[in-house]
Amino acid sequence: MRDIQIRFIGAGNMATSLISGLFNKGFNTNQIKATNPNYNQREYIRSQFNIQVFDDNNEHFGWPDVVVMAVKPQVMKTALMEIRDNIQHTQPLLVSVAAGITTSQMQDWLQHPNAIIRTMPNTPAAIGQGAIGMYANNEVTDSQRFMCEQIMDAVGTSVWVSEESDMDIVTALSGSGPAYFFTFIKALQAAAEELGLSAENAALLTQQTAVGASLLAERSDVSMDVLIDQVTSPQGTTHAALMQWQHLDFENIVKQAVVAACQRSAELSSDSQ
């Protein structure tokens, strides 16, 4: 990976996380270039990583192996059309981190066949703990798949899906998922405070419980049902709480939320056509 050249179109939060992760993986300053229209953000990227950052997406384009499209979905079409000639000339792997933009849409905007990988990182990528789904079109080679894996694994754990429609599920699960957990943490903490615990202690215990349970689930070789049973005594405190959730149909509430997010992801993809 030491001879790979990567160009970021857009250098916002997700690009910053990816660049930081790549440097942690051993990349050097000569391998990465970036563009961003905002002067302050360009200066931040320069000072943080000591890489070349331009305001023009085509400036010093060179011969990148990978072009990471880290722009907002609503400007993806414009950004791709700006660099279309350079993409056709150099034929790099295109990696998109924009939600709701399909590989076929990108292909249409480029007006010629290209290797394109659509990814869906999530916000914990900012601390190297992301969960990333990836889909590759038919133009992508095995070596390009490997390159994308190396980039995404620099900020977390990545998985491939075989159907692009599955990216809507990925978006609903891991893309939106952090907000689900944050909402649960917030509610759990608020309940503890209402019962009389100090805000400081409620926050500390709630957050550590979330971290500990997540790590235990990750490292355990038993099912979630077994882990639940290990906490739950017959007619005990956990049992009382779980019975209340069962009465409220908690699992179906979660399911319906994920279904709604998945449907909205599909709608956004359709709306951007």
C-alpha atoms as a PDB file:
ATOM      1  CA  MET A   1       0.000   0.000   0.000  1.00  0.00           C
ATOM      2  CA  ARG A   2       3.011   2.305   0.293  1.00  0.00           C
ATOM      3  CA  ASP A   3       3.003   3.223  -3.418  1.00  0.00           C
ATOM      4  CA  ILE A   4      -0.741   3.906  -3.679  1.00  0.00           C
ATOM      5  CA  GLN A   5      -1.804   7.457  -4.483  1.00  0.00           C
ATOM      6  CA  ILE A   6      -5.121   8.650  -3.018  1.00  0.00           C
ATOM      7  CA  ARG A   7      -6.965  11.877  -3.810  1.00  0.00           C
ATOM      8  CA  PHE A   8      -9.838  13.094  -1.631  1.00  0.00           C
ATOM      9  CA  ILE A   9     -12.486  15.230  -3.298  1.00  0.00           C
ATOM     10  CA  GLY A  10     -13.886  16.946  -0.233  1.00  0.00           C
ATOM     11  CA  ALA A  11     -12.017  17.155   3.054  1.00  0.00           C
ATOM     12  CA  GLY A  12     -14.705  17.399   5.718  1.00  0.00           C
ATOM     13  CA  ASN A  13     -15.190  15.279   8.827  1.00  0.00           C
ATOM     14  CA  MET A  14     -15.307  11.853   7.181  1.00  0.00           C
ATOM     15  CA  ALA A  15     -12.326  12.578   4.924  1.00  0.00           C
ATOM     16  CA  THR A  16     -10.395  13.875   7.924  1.00  0.00           C
ATOM     17  CA  SER A  17     -11.114  10.633   9.806  1.00  0.00           C
ATOM     18  CA  LEU A  18     -10.027   8.531   6.821  1.00  0.00           C
ATOM     19  CA  ILE A  19      -6.824  10.526   6.274  1.00  0.00           C
ATOM     20  CA  SER A  20      -5.943  10.252   9.954  1.00  0.00           C
ATOM     21  CA  GLY A  21      -6.573   6.511   9.870  1.00  0.00           C
ATOM     22  CA  LEU A  22      -4.424   6.081   6.773  1.00  0.00           C
ATOM     23  CA  PHE A  23      -1.499   7.854   8.426  1.00  0.00           C
ATOM     24  CA  ASN A  24      -1.933   5.575  11.438  1.00  0.00           C
ATOM     25  CA  LYS A  25      -1.698   2.656   9.001  1.00  0.00           C
ATOM     26  CA  GLY A  26       1.664   3.883   7.723  1.00  0.00           C
ATOM     27  CA  PHE A  27       0.768   6.070   4.742  1.00  0.00           C
ATOM     28  CA  ASN A  28       3.015   9.070   4.139  1.00  0.00           C
ATOM     29  CA  THR A  29       2.331  12.675   3.129  1.00  0.00           C
ATOM     30  CA  ASN A  30       3.325  12.078  -0.496  1.00  0.00           C
ATOM     31  CA  GLN A  31       0.559   9.512  -1.009  1.00  0.00           C
ATOM     32  CA  ILE A  32      -2.450  11.674  -0.166  1.00  0.00           C
ATOM     33  CA  LYS A  33      -3.865  14.862  -1.701  1.00  0.00           C
ATOM     34  CA  ALA A  34      -7.165  16.559  -0.980  1.00  0.00           C
ATOM     35  CA  THR A  35      -9.440  19.328  -2.203  1.00  0.00           C
ATOM     36  CA  ASN A  36     -11.940  21.484  -0.355  1.00  0.00           C
ATOM     37  CA  PRO A  37     -13.663  24.774  -1.229  1.00  0.00           C
ATOM     38  CA  ASN A  38     -13.420  26.138   2.319  1.00  0.00           C
ATOM     39  CA  TYR A  39     -10.179  28.025   3.079  1.00  0.00           C
ATOM     40  CA  ASN A  40     -10.240  27.368   6.828  1.00  0.00           C
ATOM     41  CA  GLN A  41     -10.770  23.655   6.306  1.00  0.00           C
ATOM     42  CA  ARG A  42      -7.921  23.508   3.780  1.00  0.00           C
ATOM     43  CA  GLU A  43      -5.600  25.219   6.247  1.00  0.00           C
ATOM     44  CA  TYR A  44      -6.689  22.832   8.989  1.00  0.00           C
ATOM     45  CA  ILE A  45      -5.967  19.786   6.820  1.00  0.00           C
ATOM     46  CA  ARG A  46      -2.581  21.218   5.804  1.00  0.00           C
ATOM     47  CA  SER A  47      -1.559  21.927   9.395  1.00  0.00           C
ATOM     48  CA  GLN A  48      -2.910  18.633  10.719  1.00  0.00           C
ATOM     49  CA  PHE A  49      -1.439  16.275   8.112  1.00  0.00           C
ATOM     50  CA  ASN A  50       1.120  18.280   6.104  1.00  0.00           C
ATOM     51  CA  ILE A  51      -0.407  17.199   2.785  1.00  0.00           C
ATOM     52  CA  GLN A  52      -1.210  19.155  -0.367  1.00  0.00           C
ATOM     53  CA  VAL A  53      -4.745  20.579  -0.317  1.00  0.00           C
ATOM     54  CA  PHE A  54      -6.298  22.486  -3.231  1.00  0.00           C
ATOM     55  CA  ASP A  55      -9.456  24.498  -3.776  1.00  0.00           C
ATOM     56  CA  ASP A  56      -9.819  23.275  -7.381  1.00  0.00           C
ATOM     57  CA  ASN A  57     -10.843  19.631  -7.757  1.00  0.00           C
ATOM     58  CA  ASN A  58      -8.720  19.291 -10.917  1.00  0.00           C
ATOM     59  CA  GLU A  59      -5.591  21.083  -9.695  1.00  0.00           C
ATOM     60  CA  HIS A  60      -2.457  18.875  -9.766  1.00  0.00           C
ATOM     61  CA  PHE A  61      -4.740  15.874 -10.362  1.00  0.00           C
ATOM     62  CA  GLY A  62      -1.841  13.575 -11.212  1.00  0.00           C
ATOM     63  CA  TRP A  63      -2.391   9.826 -11.551  1.00  0.00           C
ATOM     64  CA  PRO A  64      -4.254   8.719  -8.419  1.00  0.00           C
ATOM     65  CA  ASP A  65      -4.979   5.034  -7.872  1.00  0.00           C
ATOM     66  CA  VAL A  66      -8.007   5.913  -5.758  1.00  0.00           C
ATOM     67  CA  VAL A  67     -10.264   8.966  -5.770  1.00  0.00           C
ATOM     68  CA  VAL A  68     -12.405   9.195  -2.640  1.00  0.00           C
ATOM     69  CA  MET A  69     -15.571  11.202  -3.239  1.00  0.00           C
ATOM     70  CA  ALA A  70     -16.100  12.645   0.239  1.00  0.00           C
ATOM     71  CA  VAL A  71     -18.606  15.334  -0.734  1.00  0.00           C
ATOM     72  CA  LYS A  72     -22.192  15.841   0.371  1.00  0.00           C
ATOM     73  CA  PRO A  73     -24.769  13.900  -1.688  1.00  0.00           C
ATOM     74  CA  GLN A  74     -26.328  17.058  -3.086  1.00  0.00           C
ATOM     75  CA  VAL A  75     -23.041  18.171  -4.697  1.00  0.00           C
ATOM     76  CA  MET A  76     -21.854  14.747  -5.886  1.00  0.00           C
ATOM     77  CA  LYS A  77     -23.150  15.227  -9.443  1.00  0.00           C
ATOM     78  CA  THR A  78     -21.425  18.610  -9.816  1.00  0.00           C
ATOM     79  CA  ALA A  79     -18.158  17.338  -8.353  1.00  0.00           C
ATOM     80  CA  LEU A  80     -18.065  14.285 -10.621  1.00  0.00           C
ATOM     81  CA  MET A  81     -18.832  16.312 -13.726  1.00  0.00           C
ATOM     82  CA  GLU A  82     -16.007  18.717 -12.824  1.00  0.00           C
ATOM     83  CA  ILE A  83     -13.398  15.933 -12.700  1.00  0.00           C
ATOM     84  CA  ARG A  84     -14.969  13.721 -15.392  1.00  0.00           C
ATOM     85  CA  ASP A  85     -12.216  14.286 -17.980  1.00  0.00           C
ATOM     86  CA  ASN A  86      -9.451  13.536 -15.490  1.00  0.00           C
ATOM     87  CA  ILE A  87     -11.248  10.404 -14.300  1.00  0.00           C
ATOM     88  CA  GLN A  88     -11.614   9.176 -17.883  1.00  0.00           C
ATOM     89  CA  HIS A  89      -7.946   9.894 -18.550  1.00  0.00           C
ATOM     90  CA  THR A  90      -6.494   8.271 -15.413  1.00  0.00           C
ATOM     91  CA  GLN A  91      -9.117   5.541 -14.709  1.00  0.00           C
ATOM     92  CA  PRO A  92      -8.735   5.401 -10.906  1.00  0.00           C
ATOM     93  CA  LEU A  93     -10.934   3.492  -8.503  1.00  0.00           C
ATOM     94  CA  LEU A  94     -13.744   5.790  -7.346  1.00  0.00           C
ATOM     95  CA  VAL A  95     -14.823   5.354  -3.729  1.00  0.00           C
ATOM     96  CA  SER A  96     -17.956   7.185  -2.588  1.00  0.00           C
ATOM     97  CA  VAL A  97     -18.804   7.869   1.052  1.00  0.00           C
ATOM     98  CA  ALA A  98     -21.982   9.801   0.167  1.00  0.00           C
ATOM     99  CA  ALA A  99     -25.266   8.397   1.444  1.00  0.00           C
ATOM    100  CA  GLY A 100     -28.000   7.671  -1.071  1.00  0.00           C
ATOM    101  CA  ILE A 101     -25.925   7.972  -4.246  1.00  0.00           C
ATOM    102  CA  THR A 102     -25.870   4.764  -6.301  1.00  0.00           C
ATOM    103  CA  THR A 103     -23.032   3.489  -8.459  1.00  0.00           C
ATOM    104  CA  SER A 104     -25.268   3.671 -11.532  1.00  0.00           C
ATOM    105  CA  GLN A 105     -25.979   7.348 -10.873  1.00  0.00           C
ATOM    106  CA  MET A 106     -22.266   8.039 -10.599  1.00  0.00           C
ATOM    107  CA  GLN A 107     -21.686   6.088 -13.795  1.00  0.00           C
ATOM    108  CA  ASP A 108     -24.313   8.159 -15.622  1.00  0.00           C
ATOM    109  CA  TRP A 109     -22.753  11.423 -14.473  1.00  0.00           C
ATOM    110  CA  LEU A 110     -19.283  10.274 -15.560  1.00  0.00           C
ATOM    111  CA  GLN A 111     -20.616   9.119 -18.945  1.00  0.00           C
ATOM    112  CA  HIS A 112     -18.137   6.262 -19.258  1.00  0.00           C
ATOM    113  CA  PRO A 113     -17.443   2.954 -17.455  1.00  0.00           C
ATOM    114  CA  ASN A 114     -15.537   3.253 -14.190  1.00  0.00           C
ATOM    115  CA  ALA A 115     -14.609   1.104 -11.231  1.00  0.00           C
ATOM    116  CA  ILE A 116     -16.837   2.429  -8.438  1.00  0.00           C
ATOM    117  CA  ILE A 117     -17.234   1.320  -4.839  1.00  0.00           C
ATOM    118  CA  ARG A 118     -20.045   2.723  -2.751  1.00  0.00           C
ATOM    119  CA  THR A 119     -19.390   2.779   0.982  1.00  0.00           C
ATOM    120  CA  MET A 120     -21.389   3.703   4.074  1.00  0.00           C
ATOM    121  CA  PRO A 121     -19.151   4.635   7.027  1.00  0.00           C
ATOM    122  CA  ASN A 122     -20.625   5.866  10.307  1.00  0.00           C
ATOM    123  CA  THR A 123     -19.600   8.543  12.797  1.00  0.00           C
ATOM    124  CA  PRO A 124     -17.527   6.294  15.121  1.00  0.00           C
ATOM    125  CA  ALA A 125     -15.045   6.148  12.224  1.00  0.00           C
ATOM    126  CA  ALA A 126     -13.834   9.466  13.680  1.00  0.00           C
ATOM    127  CA  ILE A 127     -12.237   7.486  16.527  1.00  0.00           C
ATOM    128  CA  GLY A 128     -11.254   4.444  14.466  1.00  0.00           C
ATOM    129  CA  GLN A 129     -14.319   2.423  15.499  1.00  0.00           C
ATOM    130  CA  GLY A 130     -16.471   2.693  12.402  1.00  0.00           C
ATOM    131  CA  ALA A 131     -18.715   0.029  10.892  1.00  0.00           C
ATOM    132  CA  ILE A 132     -18.592   0.298   7.109  1.00  0.00           C
ATOM    133  CA  GLY A 133     -20.616  -1.418   4.409  1.00  0.00           C
ATOM    134  CA  MET A 134     -19.213  -1.611   0.853  1.00  0.00           C
ATOM    135  CA  TYR A 135     -20.600  -2.461  -2.583  1.00  0.00           C
ATOM    136  CA  ALA A 136     -18.505  -2.757  -5.770  1.00  0.00           C
ATOM    137  CA  ASN A 137     -19.770  -2.489  -9.333  1.00  0.00           C
ATOM    138  CA  ASN A 138     -18.706  -4.935 -12.034  1.00  0.00           C
ATOM    139  CA  GLU A 139     -15.749  -2.782 -13.151  1.00  0.00           C
ATOM    140  CA  VAL A 140     -13.908  -3.215  -9.843  1.00  0.00           C
ATOM    141  CA  THR A 141     -10.953  -5.631  -9.786  1.00  0.00           C
ATOM    142  CA  ASP A 142      -9.840  -7.797  -6.872  1.00  0.00           C
ATOM    143  CA  SER A 143      -6.833  -5.549  -6.258  1.00  0.00           C
ATOM    144  CA  GLN A 144      -9.102  -2.500  -6.152  1.00  0.00           C
ATOM    145  CA  ARG A 145     -11.351  -4.248  -3.655  1.00  0.00           C
ATOM    146  CA  PHE A 146      -8.288  -4.819  -1.499  1.00  0.00           C
ATOM    147  CA  MET A 147      -7.290  -1.161  -1.753  1.00  0.00           C
ATOM    148  CA  CYS A 148     -10.741  -0.058  -0.613  1.00  0.00           C
ATOM    149  CA  GLU A 149     -10.662  -2.516   2.284  1.00  0.00           C
ATOM    150  CA  GLN A 150      -7.338  -1.066   3.414  1.00  0.00           C
ATOM    151  CA  ILE A 151      -8.727   2.470   3.336  1.00  0.00           C
ATOM    152  CA  MET A 152     -11.934   1.626   5.201  1.00  0.00           C
ATOM    153  CA  ASP A 153     -10.300  -0.710   7.709  1.00  0.00           C
ATOM    154  CA  ALA A 154      -8.083   2.224   8.694  1.00  0.00           C
ATOM    155  CA  VAL A 155     -11.116   3.660  10.521  1.00  0.00           C
ATOM    156  CA  GLY A 156     -12.984   0.554  11.655  1.00  0.00           C
ATOM    157  CA  THR A 157     -14.417  -2.723  10.397  1.00  0.00           C
ATOM    158  CA  SER A 158     -15.716  -3.154   6.856  1.00  0.00           C
ATOM    159  CA  VAL A 159     -17.967  -5.719   5.169  1.00  0.00           C
ATOM    160  CA  TRP A 160     -18.966  -6.338   1.539  1.00  0.00           C
ATOM    161  CA  VAL A 161     -22.541  -6.682   0.337  1.00  0.00           C
ATOM    162  CA  SER A 162     -23.334  -8.447  -2.933  1.00  0.00           C
ATOM    163  CA  GLU A 163     -26.429  -6.417  -3.877  1.00  0.00           C
ATOM    164  CA  GLU A 164     -26.425  -2.628  -3.989  1.00  0.00           C
ATOM    165  CA  SER A 165     -29.946  -2.547  -2.539  1.00  0.00           C
ATOM    166  CA  ASP A 166     -28.411  -4.010   0.629  1.00  0.00           C
ATOM    167  CA  MET A 167     -26.686  -0.653   1.147  1.00  0.00           C
ATOM    168  CA  ASP A 168     -30.080   0.705   2.227  1.00  0.00           C
ATOM    169  CA  ILE A 169     -30.081  -1.906   5.001  1.00  0.00           C
ATOM    170  CA  VAL A 170     -26.486  -1.032   5.902  1.00  0.00           C
ATOM    171  CA  THR A 171     -27.473   2.634   6.079  1.00  0.00           C
ATOM    172  CA  ALA A 172     -30.418   1.834   8.356  1.00  0.00           C
ATOM    173  CA  LEU A 173     -28.341  -0.471  10.573  1.00  0.00           C
ATOM    174  CA  SER A 174     -24.815   0.857  11.003  1.00  0.00           C
ATOM    175  CA  GLY A 175     -25.096   4.208   9.238  1.00  0.00           C
ATOM    176  CA  SER A 176     -27.963   5.419  11.423  1.00  0.00           C
ATOM    177  CA  GLY A 177     -27.224   2.958  14.224  1.00  0.00           C
ATOM    178  CA  PRO A 178     -25.053   5.214  16.410  1.00  0.00           C
ATOM    179  CA  ALA A 179     -28.037   7.543  16.876  1.00  0.00           C
ATOM    180  CA  TYR A 180     -30.134   4.588  18.086  1.00  0.00           C
ATOM    181  CA  PHE A 181     -27.552   3.739  20.731  1.00  0.00           C
ATOM    182  CA  PHE A 182     -27.116   7.389  21.719  1.00  0.00           C
ATOM    183  CA  THR A 183     -30.887   7.668  22.132  1.00  0.00           C
ATOM    184  CA  PHE A 184     -30.948   4.581  24.357  1.00  0.00           C
ATOM    185  CA  ILE A 185     -27.998   5.844  26.409  1.00  0.00           C
ATOM    186  CA  LYS A 186     -29.735   9.195  26.842  1.00  0.00           C
ATOM    187  CA  ALA A 187     -32.986   7.555  27.979  1.00  0.00           C
ATOM    188  CA  LEU A 188     -31.217   5.165  30.364  1.00  0.00           C
ATOM    189  CA  GLN A 189     -29.214   7.988  31.906  1.00  0.00           C
ATOM    190  CA  ALA A 190     -32.329  10.175  32.276  1.00  0.00           C
ATOM    191  CA  ALA A 191     -34.186   7.343  34.033  1.00  0.00           C
ATOM    192  CA  ALA A 192     -31.331   6.920  36.516  1.00  0.00           C
ATOM    193  CA  GLU A 193     -31.266  10.658  37.221  1.00  0.00           C
ATOM    194  CA  GLU A 194     -35.038  10.748  37.720  1.00  0.00           C
ATOM    195  CA  LEU A 195     -34.704   7.944  40.245  1.00  0.00           C
ATOM    196  CA  GLY A 196     -32.199  10.050  42.206  1.00  0.00           C
ATOM    197  CA  LEU A 197     -28.706   9.337  40.882  1.00  0.00           C
ATOM    198  CA  SER A 198     -26.472  12.322  40.218  1.00  0.00           C
ATOM    199  CA  ALA A 199     -26.047  13.361  36.590  1.00  0.00           C
ATOM    200  CA  GLU A 200     -22.311  12.643  36.773  1.00  0.00           C
ATOM    201  CA  ASN A 201     -22.727   9.145  38.168  1.00  0.00           C
ATOM    202  CA  ALA A 202     -25.628   8.346  35.853  1.00  0.00           C
ATOM    203  CA  ALA A 203     -23.575   9.363  32.804  1.00  0.00           C
ATOM    204  CA  LEU A 204     -20.483   7.441  33.920  1.00  0.00           C
ATOM    205  CA  LEU A 205     -22.333   4.237  34.751  1.00  0.00           C
ATOM    206  CA  THR A 206     -24.525   4.361  31.641  1.00  0.00           C
ATOM    207  CA  GLN A 207     -21.644   4.957  29.239  1.00  0.00           C
ATOM    208  CA  GLN A 208     -19.404   2.326  30.829  1.00  0.00           C
ATOM    209  CA  THR A 209     -22.257  -0.188  30.820  1.00  0.00           C
ATOM    210  CA  ALA A 210     -22.741   0.476  27.090  1.00  0.00           C
ATOM    211  CA  VAL A 211     -19.014   0.060  26.386  1.00  0.00           C
ATOM    212  CA  GLY A 212     -18.712  -3.067  28.522  1.00  0.00           C
ATOM    213  CA  ALA A 213     -21.811  -4.746  27.068  1.00  0.00           C
ATOM    214  CA  SER A 214     -20.662  -3.964  23.510  1.00  0.00           C
ATOM    215  CA  LEU A 215     -17.186  -5.399  24.113  1.00  0.00           C
ATOM    216  CA  LEU A 216     -18.638  -8.483  25.797  1.00  0.00           C
ATOM    217  CA  ALA A 217     -20.982  -9.061  22.851  1.00  0.00           C
ATOM    218  CA  GLU A 218     -18.083  -8.645  20.417  1.00  0.00           C
ATOM    219  CA  ARG A 219     -15.704 -10.974  22.240  1.00  0.00           C
ATOM    220  CA  SER A 220     -18.170 -13.631  23.325  1.00  0.00           C
ATOM    221  CA  ASP A 221     -18.780 -16.809  21.344  1.00  0.00           C
ATOM    222  CA  VAL A 222     -22.317 -17.286  22.658  1.00  0.00           C
ATOM    223  CA  SER A 223     -25.605 -15.864  21.374  1.00  0.00           C
ATOM    224  CA  MET A 224     -27.245 -12.650  22.532  1.00  0.00           C
ATOM    225  CA  ASP A 225     -29.949 -14.773  24.199  1.00  0.00           C
ATOM    226  CA  VAL A 226     -27.311 -16.517  26.329  1.00  0.00           C
ATOM    227  CA  LEU A 227     -25.727 -13.195  27.286  1.00  0.00           C
ATOM    228  CA  ILE A 228     -29.160 -11.875  28.282  1.00  0.00           C
ATOM    229  CA  ASP A 229     -29.837 -15.002  30.361  1.00  0.00           C
ATOM    230  CA  GLN A 230     -26.490 -14.569  32.122  1.00  0.00           C
ATOM    231  CA  VAL A 231     -27.712 -11.223  33.476  1.00  0.00           C
ATOM    232  CA  THR A 232     -31.297 -12.248  34.161  1.00  0.00           C
ATOM    233  CA  SER A 233     -32.376 -14.064  37.329  1.00  0.00           C
ATOM    234  CA  PRO A 234     -35.929 -15.494  37.539  1.00  0.00           C
ATOM    235  CA  GLN A 235     -38.245 -12.857  38.993  1.00  0.00           C
ATOM    236  CA  GLY A 236     -35.239 -10.560  39.537  1.00  0.00           C
ATOM    237  CA  THR A 237     -34.609  -6.912  38.635  1.00  0.00           C
ATOM    238  CA  THR A 238     -33.500  -7.542  35.047  1.00  0.00           C
ATOM    239  CA  HIS A 239     -36.488  -9.818  34.528  1.00  0.00           C
ATOM    240  CA  ALA A 240     -38.810  -7.041  35.703  1.00  0.00           C
ATOM    241  CA  ALA A 241     -37.297  -4.592  33.227  1.00  0.00           C
ATOM    242  CA  LEU A 242     -37.387  -7.050  30.320  1.00  0.00           C
ATOM    243  CA  MET A 243     -41.024  -7.929  31.045  1.00  0.00           C
ATOM    244  CA  GLN A 244     -41.868  -4.235  30.796  1.00  0.00           C
ATOM    245  CA  TRP A 245     -40.123  -4.044  27.416  1.00  0.00           C
ATOM    246  CA  GLN A 246     -41.934  -7.160  26.258  1.00  0.00           C
ATOM    247  CA  HIS A 247     -45.224  -5.564  27.265  1.00  0.00           C
ATOM    248  CA  LEU A 248     -44.295  -2.490  25.163  1.00  0.00           C
ATOM    249  CA  ASP A 249     -43.265  -4.714  22.222  1.00  0.00           C
ATOM    250  CA  PHE A 250     -39.729  -3.294  22.314  1.00  0.00           C
ATOM    251  CA  GLU A 251     -38.282  -5.605  19.631  1.00  0.00           C
ATOM    252  CA  ASN A 252     -41.004  -4.631  17.178  1.00  0.00           C
ATOM    253  CA  ILE A 253     -40.414  -0.930  17.921  1.00  0.00           C
ATOM    254  CA  VAL A 254     -36.743  -1.401  17.008  1.00  0.00           C
ATOM    255  CA  LYS A 255     -37.657  -3.361  13.894  1.00  0.00           C
ATOM    256  CA  GLN A 256     -40.101  -0.713  12.687  1.00  0.00           C
ATOM    257  CA  ALA A 257     -37.505   2.027  13.243  1.00  0.00           C
ATOM    258  CA  VAL A 258     -34.911   0.185  11.158  1.00  0.00           C
ATOM    259  CA  VAL A 259     -37.497  -0.530   8.434  1.00  0.00           C
ATOM    260  CA  ALA A 260     -38.407   3.171   8.325  1.00  0.00           C
ATOM    261  CA  ALA A 261     -34.732   4.148   7.986  1.00  0.00           C
ATOM    262  CA  CYS A 262     -34.200   1.552   5.245  1.00  0.00           C
ATOM    263  CA  GLN A 263     -37.212   2.785   3.295  1.00  0.00           C
ATOM    264  CA  ARG A 264     -36.065   6.385   3.627  1.00  0.00           C
ATOM    265  CA  SER A 265     -32.606   5.460   2.348  1.00  0.00           C
ATOM    266  CA  ALA A 266     -34.187   3.900  -0.742  1.00  0.00           C
ATOM    267  CA  GLU A 267     -36.344   7.011  -1.237  1.00  0.00           C
ATOM    268  CA  LEU A 268     -33.302   9.294  -1.013  1.00  0.00           C
ATOM    269  CA  SER A 269     -31.519   7.227  -3.660  1.00  0.00           C
ATOM    270  CA  SER A 270     -34.557   7.527  -5.912  1.00  0.00           C
ATOM    271  CA  ASP A 271     -34.955  11.273  -5.245  1.00  0.00           C
ATOM    272  CA  SER A 272     -31.350  12.007  -6.267  1.00  0.00           C
ATOM    273  CA  GLN A 273     -31.757  10.482  -9.727  1.00  0.00           C
END
